[in-house]
PDB file of N, CA and C in Angstrom:
ATOM      1  N   GLN A   1     101.115  88.079 103.089  1.00  0.00           N
ATOM      2  CA  GLN A   1     102.336  87.853 103.763  1.00  0.00           C
ATOM      3  C   GLN A   1     102.338  86.390 104.349  1.00  0.00           C
ATOM      4  N   ALA A   2     103.266  85.597 103.907  1.00  0.00           N
ATOM      5  CA  ALA A   2     103.338  84.230 104.383  1.00  0.00           C
ATOM      6  C   ALA A   2     103.720  84.258 105.888  1.00  0.00           C
ATOM      7  N   HIS A   3     103.214  83.317 106.646  1.00  0.00           N
ATOM      8  CA  HIS A   3     103.475  83.184 108.082  1.00  0.00           C
ATOM      9  C   HIS A   3     104.002  81.856 108.288  1.00  0.00           C
ATOM     10  N   LEU A   4     105.311  81.644 108.471  1.00  0.00           N
ATOM     11  CA  LEU A   4     105.888  80.393 108.685  1.00  0.00           C
ATOM     12  C   LEU A   4     106.128  80.164 110.160  1.00  0.00           C
ATOM     13  N   VAL A   5     105.663  79.093 110.705  1.00  0.00           N
ATOM     14  CA  VAL A   5     105.795  78.796 112.162  1.00  0.00           C
ATOM     15  C   VAL A   5     106.613  77.606 112.337  1.00  0.00           C
ATOM     16  N   GLN A   6     107.775  77.766 113.092  1.00  0.00           N
ATOM     17  CA  GLN A   6     108.725  76.703 113.302  1.00  0.00           C
ATOM     18  C   GLN A   6     108.511  76.010 114.664  1.00  0.00           C
ATOM     19  N   SER A   7     108.964  74.758 114.727  1.00  0.00           N
ATOM     20  CA  SER A   7     108.968  74.061 116.017  1.00  0.00           C
ATOM     21  C   SER A   7     110.081  73.036 116.040  1.00  0.00           C
ATOM     22  N   GLY A   8     110.416  72.500 117.152  1.00  0.00           N
ATOM     23  CA  GLY A   8     111.494  71.516 117.277  1.00  0.00           C
ATOM     24  C   GLY A   8     112.749  72.259 117.745  1.00  0.00           C
ATOM     25  N   GLY A   9     113.918  71.627 117.481  1.00  0.00           N
ATOM     26  CA  GLY A   9     115.123  72.186 117.953  1.00  0.00           C
ATOM     27  C   GLY A   9     115.387  71.832 119.372  1.00  0.00           C
ATOM     28  N   GLY A  10     116.428  72.511 119.968  1.00  0.00           N
ATOM     29  CA  GLY A  10     116.727  72.273 121.364  1.00  0.00           C
ATOM     30  C   GLY A  10     118.207  71.953 121.547  1.00  0.00           C
ATOM     31  N   VAL A  11     118.499  71.223 122.598  1.00  0.00           N
ATOM     32  CA  VAL A  11     119.895  70.882 122.967  1.00  0.00           C
ATOM     33  C   VAL A  11     120.071  69.354 122.839  1.00  0.00           C
ATOM     34  N   VAL A  12     121.206  69.031 122.212  1.00  0.00           N
ATOM     35  CA  VAL A  12     121.465  67.569 122.031  1.00  0.00           C
ATOM     36  C   VAL A  12     123.039  67.392 122.144  1.00  0.00           C
ATOM     37  N   GLN A  13     123.411  66.195 122.460  1.00  0.00           N
ATOM     38  CA  GLN A  13     124.834  65.909 122.554  1.00  0.00           C
ATOM     39  C   GLN A  13     125.308  65.602 121.141  1.00  0.00           C
ATOM     40  N   ALA A  14     126.662  65.725 120.877  1.00  0.00           N
ATOM     41  CA  ALA A  14     127.152  65.430 119.592  1.00  0.00           C
ATOM     42  C   ALA A  14     126.928  63.970 119.259  1.00  0.00           C
ATOM     43  N   GLY A  15     126.537  63.783 117.978  1.00  0.00           N
ATOM     44  CA  GLY A  15     126.096  62.420 117.604  1.00  0.00           C
ATOM     45  C   GLY A  15     124.641  62.163 117.621  1.00  0.00           C
ATOM     46  N   GLY A  16     123.900  63.097 118.298  1.00  0.00           N
ATOM     47  CA  GLY A  16     122.483  62.910 118.473  1.00  0.00           C
ATOM     48  C   GLY A  16     121.713  63.416 117.301  1.00  0.00           C
ATOM     49  N   SER A  17     120.377  63.358 117.513  1.00  0.00           N
ATOM     50  CA  SER A  17     119.484  63.741 116.393  1.00  0.00           C
ATOM     51  C   SER A  17     118.412  64.734 116.864  1.00  0.00           C
ATOM     52  N   LEU A  18     117.927  65.532 116.049  1.00  0.00           N
ATOM     53  CA  LEU A  18     116.876  66.471 116.251  1.00  0.00           C
ATOM     54  C   LEU A  18     116.015  66.560 115.011  1.00  0.00           C
ATOM     55  N   LYS A  19     114.702  66.828 115.226  1.00  0.00           N
ATOM     56  CA  LYS A  19     113.819  67.057 114.156  1.00  0.00           C
ATOM     57  C   LYS A  19     113.223  68.408 114.228  1.00  0.00           C
ATOM     58  N   LEU A  20     113.218  69.192 113.113  1.00  0.00           N
ATOM     59  CA  LEU A  20     112.603  70.438 113.063  1.00  0.00           C
ATOM     60  C   LEU A  20     111.303  70.372 112.244  1.00  0.00           C
ATOM     61  N   SER A  21     110.453  71.326 112.360  1.00  0.00           N
ATOM     62  CA  SER A  21     109.288  71.420 111.604  1.00  0.00           C
ATOM     63  C   SER A  21     108.895  72.821 111.256  1.00  0.00           C
ATOM     64  N   CYS A  22     108.304  73.011 110.103  1.00  0.00           N
ATOM     65  CA  CYS A  22     107.936  74.363 109.606  1.00  0.00           C
ATOM     66  C   CYS A  22     106.562  74.295 109.063  1.00  0.00           C
ATOM     67  N   GLN A  23     105.600  74.953 109.652  1.00  0.00           N
ATOM     68  CA  GLN A  23     104.276  74.960 109.166  1.00  0.00           C
ATOM     69  C   GLN A  23     104.007  76.196 108.292  1.00  0.00           C
ATOM     70  N   ALA A  24     103.482  75.999 107.035  1.00  0.00           N
ATOM     71  CA  ALA A  24     103.253  77.097 106.183  1.00  0.00           C
ATOM     72  C   ALA A  24     101.753  77.254 105.870  1.00  0.00           C
ATOM     73  N   PRO A  25     101.310  78.385 105.479  1.00  0.00           N
ATOM     74  CA  PRO A  25      99.940  78.496 104.982  1.00  0.00           C
ATOM     75  C   PRO A  25      99.821  77.617 103.715  1.00  0.00           C
ATOM     76  N   GLU A  26      98.639  77.091 103.454  1.00  0.00           N
ATOM     77  CA  GLU A  26      98.402  76.226 102.370  1.00  0.00           C
ATOM     78  C   GLU A  26      98.914  76.728 101.016  1.00  0.00           C
ATOM     79  N   ARG A  27      98.598  77.971 100.753  1.00  0.00           N
ATOM     80  CA  ARG A  27      98.998  78.498  99.451  1.00  0.00           C
ATOM     81  C   ARG A  27     100.486  78.644  99.269  1.00  0.00           C
ATOM     82  N   THR A  28     101.141  79.108 100.372  1.00  0.00           N
ATOM     83  CA  THR A  28     102.570  79.178 100.425  1.00  0.00           C
ATOM     84  C   THR A  28     103.215  77.884 100.181  1.00  0.00           C
ATOM     85  N   PHE A  29     102.745  76.902 100.851  1.00  0.00           N
ATOM     86  CA  PHE A  29     103.296  75.576 100.732  1.00  0.00           C
ATOM     87  C   PHE A  29     103.181  75.034  99.382  1.00  0.00           C
ATOM     88  N   ALA A  30     102.031  75.296  98.718  1.00  0.00           N
ATOM     89  CA  ALA A  30     101.848  74.701  97.374  1.00  0.00           C
ATOM     90  C   ALA A  30     102.593  75.447  96.272  1.00  0.00           C
ATOM     91  N   THR A  31     102.985  76.693  96.553  1.00  0.00           N
ATOM     92  CA  THR A  31     103.552  77.394  95.349  1.00  0.00           C
ATOM     93  C   THR A  31     105.062  77.747  95.612  1.00  0.00           C
ATOM     94  N   ASN A  32     105.542  77.524  96.806  1.00  0.00           N
ATOM     95  CA  ASN A  32     106.979  77.919  97.069  1.00  0.00           C
ATOM     96  C   ASN A  32     107.877  76.677  97.259  1.00  0.00           C
ATOM     97  N   HIS A  33     109.116  76.972  96.914  1.00  0.00           N
ATOM     98  CA  HIS A  33     110.124  76.075  97.369  1.00  0.00           C
ATOM     99  C   HIS A  33     110.414  76.351  98.802  1.00  0.00           C
ATOM    100  N   MET A  34     110.855  75.460  99.614  1.00  0.00           N
ATOM    101  CA  MET A  34     111.065  75.625 100.978  1.00  0.00           C
ATOM    102  C   MET A  34     112.477  75.267 101.363  1.00  0.00           C
ATOM    103  N   ALA A  35     113.053  76.044 102.244  1.00  0.00           N
ATOM    104  CA  ALA A  35     114.507  75.796 102.570  1.00  0.00           C
ATOM    105  C   ALA A  35     114.764  76.136 104.026  1.00  0.00           C
ATOM    106  N   TRP A  36     115.910  75.603 104.534  1.00  0.00           N
ATOM    107  CA  TRP A  36     116.398  75.948 105.785  1.00  0.00           C
ATOM    108  C   TRP A  36     117.802  76.595 105.726  1.00  0.00           C
ATOM    109  N   PHE A  37     117.854  77.686 106.463  1.00  0.00           N
ATOM    110  CA  PHE A  37     119.197  78.379 106.569  1.00  0.00           C
ATOM    111  C   PHE A  37     119.562  78.409 108.055  1.00  0.00           C
ATOM    112  N   ARG A  38     120.782  78.757 108.316  1.00  0.00           N
ATOM    113  CA  ARG A  38     121.205  78.902 109.766  1.00  0.00           C
ATOM    114  C   ARG A  38     122.138  80.151 109.892  1.00  0.00           C
ATOM    115  N   VAL A  39     122.113  80.632 111.112  1.00  0.00           N
ATOM    116  CA  VAL A  39     122.947  81.750 111.476  1.00  0.00           C
ATOM    117  C   VAL A  39     123.664  81.509 112.794  1.00  0.00           C
ATOM    118  N   THR A  40     124.935  81.829 112.749  1.00  0.00           N
ATOM    119  CA  THR A  40     125.706  81.805 113.966  1.00  0.00           C
ATOM    120  C   THR A  40     126.182  83.222 114.305  1.00  0.00           C
ATOM    121  N   PRO A  41     126.453  83.546 115.551  1.00  0.00           N
ATOM    122  CA  PRO A  41     126.919  84.855 115.807  1.00  0.00           C
ATOM    123  C   PRO A  41     128.085  85.355 114.975  1.00  0.00           C
ATOM    124  N   GLY A  42     127.989  86.565 114.421  1.00  0.00           N
ATOM    125  CA  GLY A  42     129.024  87.062 113.584  1.00  0.00           C
ATOM    126  C   GLY A  42     129.115  86.511 112.199  1.00  0.00           C
ATOM    127  N   SER A  43     128.203  85.675 111.775  1.00  0.00           N
ATOM    128  CA  SER A  43     128.326  85.057 110.440  1.00  0.00           C
ATOM    129  C   SER A  43     127.052  85.411 109.624  1.00  0.00           C
ATOM    130  N   GLU A  44     127.149  85.300 108.353  1.00  0.00           N
ATOM    131  CA  GLU A  44     126.066  85.536 107.494  1.00  0.00           C
ATOM    132  C   GLU A  44     125.162  84.265 107.425  1.00  0.00           C
ATOM    133  N   ARG A  45     123.862  84.522 107.093  1.00  0.00           N
ATOM    134  CA  ARG A  45     123.002  83.335 106.928  1.00  0.00           C
ATOM    135  C   ARG A  45     123.560  82.327 105.926  1.00  0.00           C
ATOM    136  N   GLU A  46     123.594  81.100 106.237  1.00  0.00           N
ATOM    137  CA  GLU A  46     124.107  80.096 105.295  1.00  0.00           C
ATOM    138  C   GLU A  46     123.092  79.052 104.950  1.00  0.00           C
ATOM    139  N   PHE A  47     123.136  78.567 103.763  1.00  0.00           N
ATOM    140  CA  PHE A  47     122.273  77.549 103.259  1.00  0.00           C
ATOM    141  C   PHE A  47     122.459  76.265 103.930  1.00  0.00           C
ATOM    142  N   VAL A  48     121.433  75.515 104.282  1.00  0.00           N
ATOM    143  CA  VAL A  48     121.454  74.155 104.867  1.00  0.00           C
ATOM    144  C   VAL A  48     120.828  73.090 103.938  1.00  0.00           C
ATOM    145  N   ALA A  49     119.642  73.337 103.591  1.00  0.00           N
ATOM    146  CA  ALA A  49     118.929  72.399 102.655  1.00  0.00           C
ATOM    147  C   ALA A  49     117.676  73.066 102.089  1.00  0.00           C
ATOM    148  N   ALA A  50     117.199  72.485 100.960  1.00  0.00           N
ATOM    149  CA  ALA A  50     115.995  73.011 100.329  1.00  0.00           C
ATOM    150  C   ALA A  50     115.302  71.887  99.633  1.00  0.00           C
ATOM    151  N   ILE A  51     114.010  72.073  99.429  1.00  0.00           N
ATOM    152  CA  ILE A  51     113.159  71.101  98.716  1.00  0.00           C
ATOM    153  C   ILE A  51     112.236  71.875  97.797  1.00  0.00           C
ATOM    154  N   THR A  52     112.120  71.434  96.589  1.00  0.00           N
ATOM    155  CA  THR A  52     111.228  72.092  95.629  1.00  0.00           C
ATOM    156  C   THR A  52     109.792  72.016  95.986  1.00  0.00           C
ATOM    157  N   ARG A  53     108.979  72.866  95.346  1.00  0.00           N
ATOM    158  CA  ARG A  53     107.550  72.943  95.649  1.00  0.00           C
ATOM    159  C   ARG A  53     106.863  71.586  95.369  1.00  0.00           C
ATOM    160  N   THR A  54     107.353  70.818  94.475  1.00  0.00           N
ATOM    161  CA  THR A  54     106.754  69.528  94.186  1.00  0.00           C
ATOM    162  C   THR A  54     107.338  68.356  95.078  1.00  0.00           C
ATOM    163  N   GLY A  55     108.457  68.709  95.734  1.00  0.00           N
ATOM    164  CA  GLY A  55     109.142  67.630  96.464  1.00  0.00           C
ATOM    165  C   GLY A  55     110.026  66.779  95.601  1.00  0.00           C
ATOM    166  N   GLY A  56     110.162  67.151  94.315  1.00  0.00           N
ATOM    167  CA  GLY A  56     110.850  66.260  93.378  1.00  0.00           C
ATOM    168  C   GLY A  56     112.354  66.386  93.476  1.00  0.00           C
ATOM    169  N   SER A  57     112.883  67.493  94.015  1.00  0.00           N
ATOM    170  CA  SER A  57     114.322  67.683  94.218  1.00  0.00           C
ATOM    171  C   SER A  57     114.631  68.202  95.555  1.00  0.00           C
ATOM    172  N   THR A  58     115.802  67.791  95.994  1.00  0.00           N
ATOM    173  CA  THR A  58     116.301  68.315  97.325  1.00  0.00           C
ATOM    174  C   THR A  58     117.743  68.741  97.089  1.00  0.00           C
ATOM    175  N   TYR A  59     118.154  69.679  97.892  1.00  0.00           N
ATOM    176  CA  TYR A  59     119.494  70.203  97.841  1.00  0.00           C
ATOM    177  C   TYR A  59     120.077  70.289  99.246  1.00  0.00           C
ATOM    178  N   TYR A  60     121.342  70.063  99.393  1.00  0.00           N
ATOM    179  CA  TYR A  60     121.987  70.053 100.748  1.00  0.00           C
ATOM    180  C   TYR A  60     123.327  70.758 100.686  1.00  0.00           C
ATOM    181  N   ARG A  61     123.571  71.376 101.844  1.00  0.00           N
ATOM    182  CA  ARG A  61     124.884  71.878 102.044  1.00  0.00           C
ATOM    183  C   ARG A  61     125.816  70.711 102.100  1.00  0.00           C
ATOM    184  N   ASP A  62     127.051  70.831 101.592  1.00  0.00           N
ATOM    185  CA  ASP A  62     127.900  69.633 101.423  1.00  0.00           C
ATOM    186  C   ASP A  62     128.165  69.039 102.812  1.00  0.00           C
ATOM    187  N   SER A  63     128.363  69.825 103.868  1.00  0.00           N
ATOM    188  CA  SER A  63     128.733  69.341 105.177  1.00  0.00           C
ATOM    189  C   SER A  63     127.525  68.689 105.815  1.00  0.00           C
ATOM    190  N   MET A  64     126.332  68.872 105.228  1.00  0.00           N
ATOM    191  CA  MET A  64     125.108  68.204 105.870  1.00  0.00           C
ATOM    192  C   MET A  64     124.666  66.969 105.072  1.00  0.00           C
ATOM    193  N   LYS A  65     125.290  66.720 103.987  1.00  0.00           N
ATOM    194  CA  LYS A  65     124.892  65.507 103.209  1.00  0.00           C
ATOM    195  C   LYS A  65     125.055  64.261 103.959  1.00  0.00           C
ATOM    196  N   GLY A  66     124.043  63.434 103.954  1.00  0.00           N
ATOM    197  CA  GLY A  66     124.063  62.193 104.754  1.00  0.00           C
ATOM    198  C   GLY A  66     123.670  62.305 106.187  1.00  0.00           C
ATOM    199  N   ARG A  67     123.454  63.576 106.640  1.00  0.00           N
ATOM    200  CA  ARG A  67     123.119  63.812 108.071  1.00  0.00           C
ATOM    201  C   ARG A  67     121.814  64.589 108.167  1.00  0.00           C
ATOM    202  N   PHE A  68     121.336  65.201 107.109  1.00  0.00           N
ATOM    203  CA  PHE A  68     120.256  66.063 107.108  1.00  0.00           C
ATOM    204  C   PHE A  68     119.315  65.692 106.046  1.00  0.00           C
ATOM    205  N   THR A  69     118.106  65.360 106.424  1.00  0.00           N
ATOM    206  CA  THR A  69     117.113  64.850 105.412  1.00  0.00           C
ATOM    207  C   THR A  69     115.922  65.793 105.456  1.00  0.00           C
ATOM    208  N   ILE A  70     115.562  66.426 104.304  1.00  0.00           N
ATOM    209  CA  ILE A  70     114.471  67.281 104.297  1.00  0.00           C
ATOM    210  C   ILE A  70     113.235  66.693 103.491  1.00  0.00           C
ATOM    211  N   SER A  71     112.082  66.838 103.987  1.00  0.00           N
ATOM    212  CA  SER A  71     110.908  66.310 103.311  1.00  0.00           C
ATOM    213  C   SER A  71     109.715  67.223 103.515  1.00  0.00           C
ATOM    214  N   ARG A  72     108.675  66.995 102.701  1.00  0.00           N
ATOM    215  CA  ARG A  72     107.416  67.802 102.750  1.00  0.00           C
ATOM    216  C   ARG A  72     106.344  66.881 103.086  1.00  0.00           C
ATOM    217  N   ASP A  73     105.415  67.412 103.941  1.00  0.00           N
ATOM    218  CA  ASP A  73     104.150  66.690 104.228  1.00  0.00           C
ATOM    219  C   ASP A  73     103.024  67.495 103.655  1.00  0.00           C
ATOM    220  N   SER A  74     102.473  67.011 102.455  1.00  0.00           N
ATOM    221  CA  SER A  74     101.472  67.722 101.810  1.00  0.00           C
ATOM    222  C   SER A  74     100.174  67.751 102.442  1.00  0.00           C
ATOM    223  N   ALA A  75      99.903  66.804 103.367  1.00  0.00           N
ATOM    224  CA  ALA A  75      98.645  66.763 104.116  1.00  0.00           C
ATOM    225  C   ALA A  75      98.585  67.860 105.256  1.00  0.00           C
ATOM    226  N   LYS A  76      99.804  68.129 105.784  1.00  0.00           N
ATOM    227  CA  LYS A  76      99.939  69.023 106.914  1.00  0.00           C
ATOM    228  C   LYS A  76     100.524  70.373 106.499  1.00  0.00           C
ATOM    229  N   TYR A  77     101.021  70.532 105.274  1.00  0.00           N
ATOM    230  CA  TYR A  77     101.661  71.803 104.843  1.00  0.00           C
ATOM    231  C   TYR A  77     102.838  72.044 105.697  1.00  0.00           C
ATOM    232  N   THR A  78     103.649  71.058 105.963  1.00  0.00           N
ATOM    233  CA  THR A  78     104.877  71.219 106.746  1.00  0.00           C
ATOM    234  C   THR A  78     106.137  70.720 106.039  1.00  0.00           C
ATOM    235  N   VAL A  79     107.248  71.316 106.413  1.00  0.00           N
ATOM    236  CA  VAL A  79     108.476  70.809 105.944  1.00  0.00           C
ATOM    237  C   VAL A  79     109.246  70.391 107.150  1.00  0.00           C
ATOM    238  N   ASN A  80     109.786  69.151 107.107  1.00  0.00           N
ATOM    239  CA  ASN A  80     110.285  68.499 108.324  1.00  0.00           C
ATOM    240  C   ASN A  80     111.709  67.958 108.089  1.00  0.00           C
ATOM    241  N   PRO A  81     112.715  68.757 108.483  1.00  0.00           N
ATOM    242  CA  PRO A  81     114.063  68.229 108.321  1.00  0.00           C
ATOM    243  C   PRO A  81     114.483  67.360 109.484  1.00  0.00           C
ATOM    244  N   GLN A  82     115.031  66.222 109.220  1.00  0.00           N
ATOM    245  CA  GLN A  82     115.563  65.340 110.239  1.00  0.00           C
ATOM    246  C   GLN A  82     117.101  65.506 110.263  1.00  0.00           C
ATOM    247  N   MET A  83     117.679  65.818 111.381  1.00  0.00           N
ATOM    248  CA  MET A  83     119.112  66.060 111.546  1.00  0.00           C
ATOM    249  C   MET A  83     119.697  65.000 112.400  1.00  0.00           C
ATOM    250  N   ASP A  84     120.624  64.232 111.802  1.00  0.00           N
ATOM    251  CA  ASP A  84     121.293  63.113 112.531  1.00  0.00           C
ATOM    252  C   ASP A  84     122.798  63.415 112.614  1.00  0.00           C
ATOM    253  N   ASN A  85     123.371  62.646 113.533  1.00  0.00           N
ATOM    254  CA  ASN A  85     124.811  62.716 113.797  1.00  0.00           C
ATOM    255  C   ASN A  85     125.277  64.198 113.886  1.00  0.00           C
ATOM    256  N   LEU A  86     124.570  64.979 114.695  1.00  0.00           N
ATOM    257  CA  LEU A  86     124.841  66.387 114.821  1.00  0.00           C
ATOM    258  C   LEU A  86     126.210  66.631 115.477  1.00  0.00           C
ATOM    259  N   LYS A  87     126.849  67.696 115.035  1.00  0.00           N
ATOM    260  CA  LYS A  87     128.205  68.124 115.469  1.00  0.00           C
ATOM    261  C   LYS A  87     128.084  69.492 116.169  1.00  0.00           C
ATOM    262  N   PRO A  88     129.055  69.774 117.008  1.00  0.00           N
ATOM    263  CA  PRO A  88     129.006  71.121 117.729  1.00  0.00           C
ATOM    264  C   PRO A  88     128.938  72.223 116.704  1.00  0.00           C
ATOM    265  N   GLU A  89     129.601  72.086 115.546  1.00  0.00           N
ATOM    266  CA  GLU A  89     129.569  73.146 114.587  1.00  0.00           C
ATOM    267  C   GLU A  89     128.248  73.335 113.903  1.00  0.00           C
ATOM    268  N   ASP A  90     127.258  72.510 114.247  1.00  0.00           N
ATOM    269  CA  ASP A  90     125.874  72.711 113.714  1.00  0.00           C
ATOM    270  C   ASP A  90     125.092  73.630 114.623  1.00  0.00           C
ATOM    271  N   THR A  91     125.697  74.011 115.745  1.00  0.00           N
ATOM    272  CA  THR A  91     125.012  74.901 116.638  1.00  0.00           C
ATOM    273  C   THR A  91     124.726  76.260 115.972  1.00  0.00           C
ATOM    274  N   ALA A  92     123.464  76.629 115.924  1.00  0.00           N
ATOM    275  CA  ALA A  92     123.040  77.854 115.264  1.00  0.00           C
ATOM    276  C   ALA A  92     121.601  78.045 115.470  1.00  0.00           C
ATOM    277  N   VAL A  93     121.106  79.248 114.977  1.00  0.00           N
ATOM    278  CA  VAL A  93     119.709  79.403 114.844  1.00  0.00           C
ATOM    279  C   VAL A  93     119.195  79.061 113.494  1.00  0.00           C
ATOM    280  N   TYR A  94     118.268  78.148 113.334  1.00  0.00           N
ATOM    281  CA  TYR A  94     117.862  77.652 112.082  1.00  0.00           C
ATOM    282  C   TYR A  94     116.521  78.395 111.667  1.00  0.00           C
ATOM    283  N   TYR A  95     116.455  78.774 110.383  1.00  0.00           N
ATOM    284  CA  TYR A  95     115.344  79.512 109.861  1.00  0.00           C
ATOM    285  C   TYR A  95     114.679  78.711 108.749  1.00  0.00           C
ATOM    286  N   CYS A  96     113.424  78.546 108.726  1.00  0.00           N
ATOM    287  CA  CYS A  96     112.632  78.053 107.659  1.00  0.00           C
ATOM    288  C   CYS A  96     112.307  79.177 106.725  1.00  0.00           C
ATOM    289  N   GLU A  97     112.496  79.015 105.395  1.00  0.00           N
ATOM    290  CA  GLU A  97     112.207  80.096 104.459  1.00  0.00           C
ATOM    291  C   GLU A  97     111.500  79.516 103.271  1.00  0.00           C
ATOM    292  N   ALA A  98     110.824  80.452 102.588  1.00  0.00           N
ATOM    293  CA  ALA A  98     110.072  80.101 101.388  1.00  0.00           C
ATOM    294  C   ALA A  98     110.288  81.080 100.255  1.00  0.00           C
ATOM    295  N   THR A  99     110.317  80.535  99.036  1.00  0.00           N
ATOM    296  CA  THR A  99     110.581  81.395  97.835  1.00  0.00           C
ATOM    297  C   THR A  99     109.861  80.846  96.653  1.00  0.00           C
ATOM    298  N   LEU A 100     109.482  81.735  95.740  1.00  0.00           N
ATOM    299  CA  LEU A 100     108.957  81.350  94.465  1.00  0.00           C
ATOM    300  C   LEU A 100     110.090  81.271  93.443  1.00  0.00           C
ATOM    301  N   GLY A 101     111.309  81.379  93.803  1.00  0.00           N
ATOM    302  CA  GLY A 101     112.526  81.306  92.974  1.00  0.00           C
ATOM    303  C   GLY A 101     112.674  80.017  92.185  1.00  0.00           C
ATOM    304  N   ASN A 102     113.882  79.714  91.750  1.00  0.00           N
ATOM    305  CA  ASN A 102     114.178  78.556  90.961  1.00  0.00           C
ATOM    306  C   ASN A 102     115.404  77.841  91.483  1.00  0.00           C
ATOM    307  N   SER A 103     115.784  76.787  90.764  1.00  0.00           N
ATOM    308  CA  SER A 103     116.899  75.937  91.183  1.00  0.00           C
ATOM    309  C   SER A 103     118.203  76.725  91.180  1.00  0.00           C
ATOM    310  N   VAL A 104     118.339  77.809  90.388  1.00  0.00           N
ATOM    311  CA  VAL A 104     119.516  78.551  90.232  1.00  0.00           C
ATOM    312  C   VAL A 104     119.736  79.350  91.549  1.00  0.00           C
ATOM    313  N   THR A 105     118.730  79.879  92.077  1.00  0.00           N
ATOM    314  CA  THR A 105     118.764  80.794  93.259  1.00  0.00           C
ATOM    315  C   THR A 105     118.438  80.114  94.512  1.00  0.00           C
ATOM    316  N   ILE A 106     118.129  78.856  94.559  1.00  0.00           N
ATOM    317  CA  ILE A 106     117.504  78.159  95.701  1.00  0.00           C
ATOM    318  C   ILE A 106     118.430  78.141  96.898  1.00  0.00           C
ATOM    319  N   ARG A 107     119.760  78.307  96.721  1.00  0.00           N
ATOM    320  CA  ARG A 107     120.729  78.316  97.747  1.00  0.00           C
ATOM    321  C   ARG A 107     120.978  79.744  98.323  1.00  0.00           C
ATOM    322  N   ASN A 108     120.378  80.775  97.742  1.00  0.00           N
ATOM    323  CA  ASN A 108     120.698  82.136  98.052  1.00  0.00           C
ATOM    324  C   ASN A 108     119.605  82.716  98.933  1.00  0.00           C
ATOM    325  N   TRP A 109     119.970  82.994 100.230  1.00  0.00           N
ATOM    326  CA  TRP A 109     118.986  83.399 101.161  1.00  0.00           C
ATOM    327  C   TRP A 109     118.354  84.782 100.740  1.00  0.00           C
ATOM    328  N   ARG A 110     119.007  85.554  99.996  1.00  0.00           N
ATOM    329  CA  ARG A 110     118.540  86.891  99.620  1.00  0.00           C
ATOM    330  C   ARG A 110     117.312  86.830  98.683  1.00  0.00           C
ATOM    331  N   THR A 111     117.026  85.580  98.132  1.00  0.00           N
ATOM    332  CA  THR A 111     115.853  85.434  97.269  1.00  0.00           C
ATOM    333  C   THR A 111     114.678  84.933  97.993  1.00  0.00           C
ATOM    334  N   TYR A 112     114.776  84.779  99.278  1.00  0.00           N
ATOM    335  CA  TYR A 112     113.688  84.281 100.070  1.00  0.00           C
ATOM    336  C   TYR A 112     112.941  85.423 100.795  1.00  0.00           C
ATOM    337  N   PRO A 113     111.731  85.673 100.438  1.00  0.00           N
ATOM    338  CA  PRO A 113     110.948  86.792 101.054  1.00  0.00           C
ATOM    339  C   PRO A 113     110.242  86.394 102.374  1.00  0.00           C
ATOM    340  N   TYR A 114     110.159  85.095 102.573  1.00  0.00           N
ATOM    341  CA  TYR A 114     109.324  84.678 103.746  1.00  0.00           C
ATOM    342  C   TYR A 114     110.197  83.811 104.648  1.00  0.00           C
ATOM    343  N   TRP A 115     110.181  83.969 105.915  1.00  0.00           N
ATOM    344  CA  TRP A 115     110.921  83.146 106.880  1.00  0.00           C
ATOM    345  C   TRP A 115     110.187  83.039 108.141  1.00  0.00           C
ATOM    346  N   GLY A 116     110.551  82.008 108.891  1.00  0.00           N
ATOM    347  CA  GLY A 116     109.949  81.755 110.198  1.00  0.00           C
ATOM    348  C   GLY A 116     110.646  82.463 111.253  1.00  0.00           C
ATOM    349  N   GLN A 117     110.282  82.097 112.563  1.00  0.00           N
ATOM    350  CA  GLN A 117     110.796  82.936 113.737  1.00  0.00           C
ATOM    351  C   GLN A 117     112.143  82.500 114.158  1.00  0.00           C
ATOM    352  N   GLY A 118     112.675  81.415 113.590  1.00  0.00           N
ATOM    353  CA  GLY A 118     113.973  80.900 114.060  1.00  0.00           C
ATOM    354  C   GLY A 118     113.941  79.930 115.156  1.00  0.00           C
ATOM    355  N   THR A 119     114.742  78.922 115.133  1.00  0.00           N
ATOM    356  CA  THR A 119     114.781  77.917 116.157  1.00  0.00           C
ATOM    357  C   THR A 119     116.278  77.623 116.532  1.00  0.00           C
ATOM    358  N   GLN A 120     116.505  77.715 117.876  1.00  0.00           N
ATOM    359  CA  GLN A 120     117.894  77.463 118.331  1.00  0.00           C
ATOM    360  C   GLN A 120     118.158  75.912 118.421  1.00  0.00           C
ATOM    361  N   VAL A 121     119.267  75.562 117.763  1.00  0.00           N
ATOM    362  CA  VAL A 121     119.824  74.185 117.855  1.00  0.00           C
ATOM    363  C   VAL A 121     121.193  74.280 118.517  1.00  0.00           C
ATOM    364  N   THR A 122     121.379  73.597 119.628  1.00  0.00           N
ATOM    365  CA  THR A 122     122.645  73.604 120.336  1.00  0.00           C
ATOM    366  C   THR A 122     123.181  72.183 120.425  1.00  0.00           C
ATOM    367  N   VAL A 123     124.371  71.966 119.964  1.00  0.00           N
ATOM    368  CA  VAL A 123     124.985  70.646 120.077  1.00  0.00           C
ATOM    369  C   VAL A 123     126.232  70.747 120.948  1.00  0.00           C
ATOM    370  N   SER A 124     126.139  69.947 121.997  1.00  0.00           N
ATOM    371  CA  SER A 124     127.245  69.999 123.011  1.00  0.00           C
ATOM    372  C   SER A 124     128.272  68.883 122.661  1.00  0.00           C
ATOM    373  N   SER A 125     129.440  69.181 122.980  1.00  0.00           N
ATOM    374  CA  SER A 125     130.556  68.199 122.673  1.00  0.00           C
ATOM    375  C   SER A 125     130.757  67.251 123.835  1.00  0.00           C
TER     376      SER A 125
END
């Protein structure tokens, strides 16, 4: 069972930046695509960004393009999204997730069997 540990997040004013981090076990990090999803009250989990196991490809939610940068640190087995120019509508609980899936399913949270504990991000206007 993969154990993903998240850190970062918090409260920031609109236009500000936050950095998240997700620590994965070595084998999980090496074999899985990694992604971030978010949940707001009353809504379904929605895709934010993903990076393939090799780091060769990244995928972003349209509303996050240009504001969210996802990267992998192979030395630390972490995935570290940088969130810039945050908006109040970005307020949510963010989850780090891992999957052995492929580029076709990479945006579908139902294909991710492993996820972290969740991190609250609050953007004030």
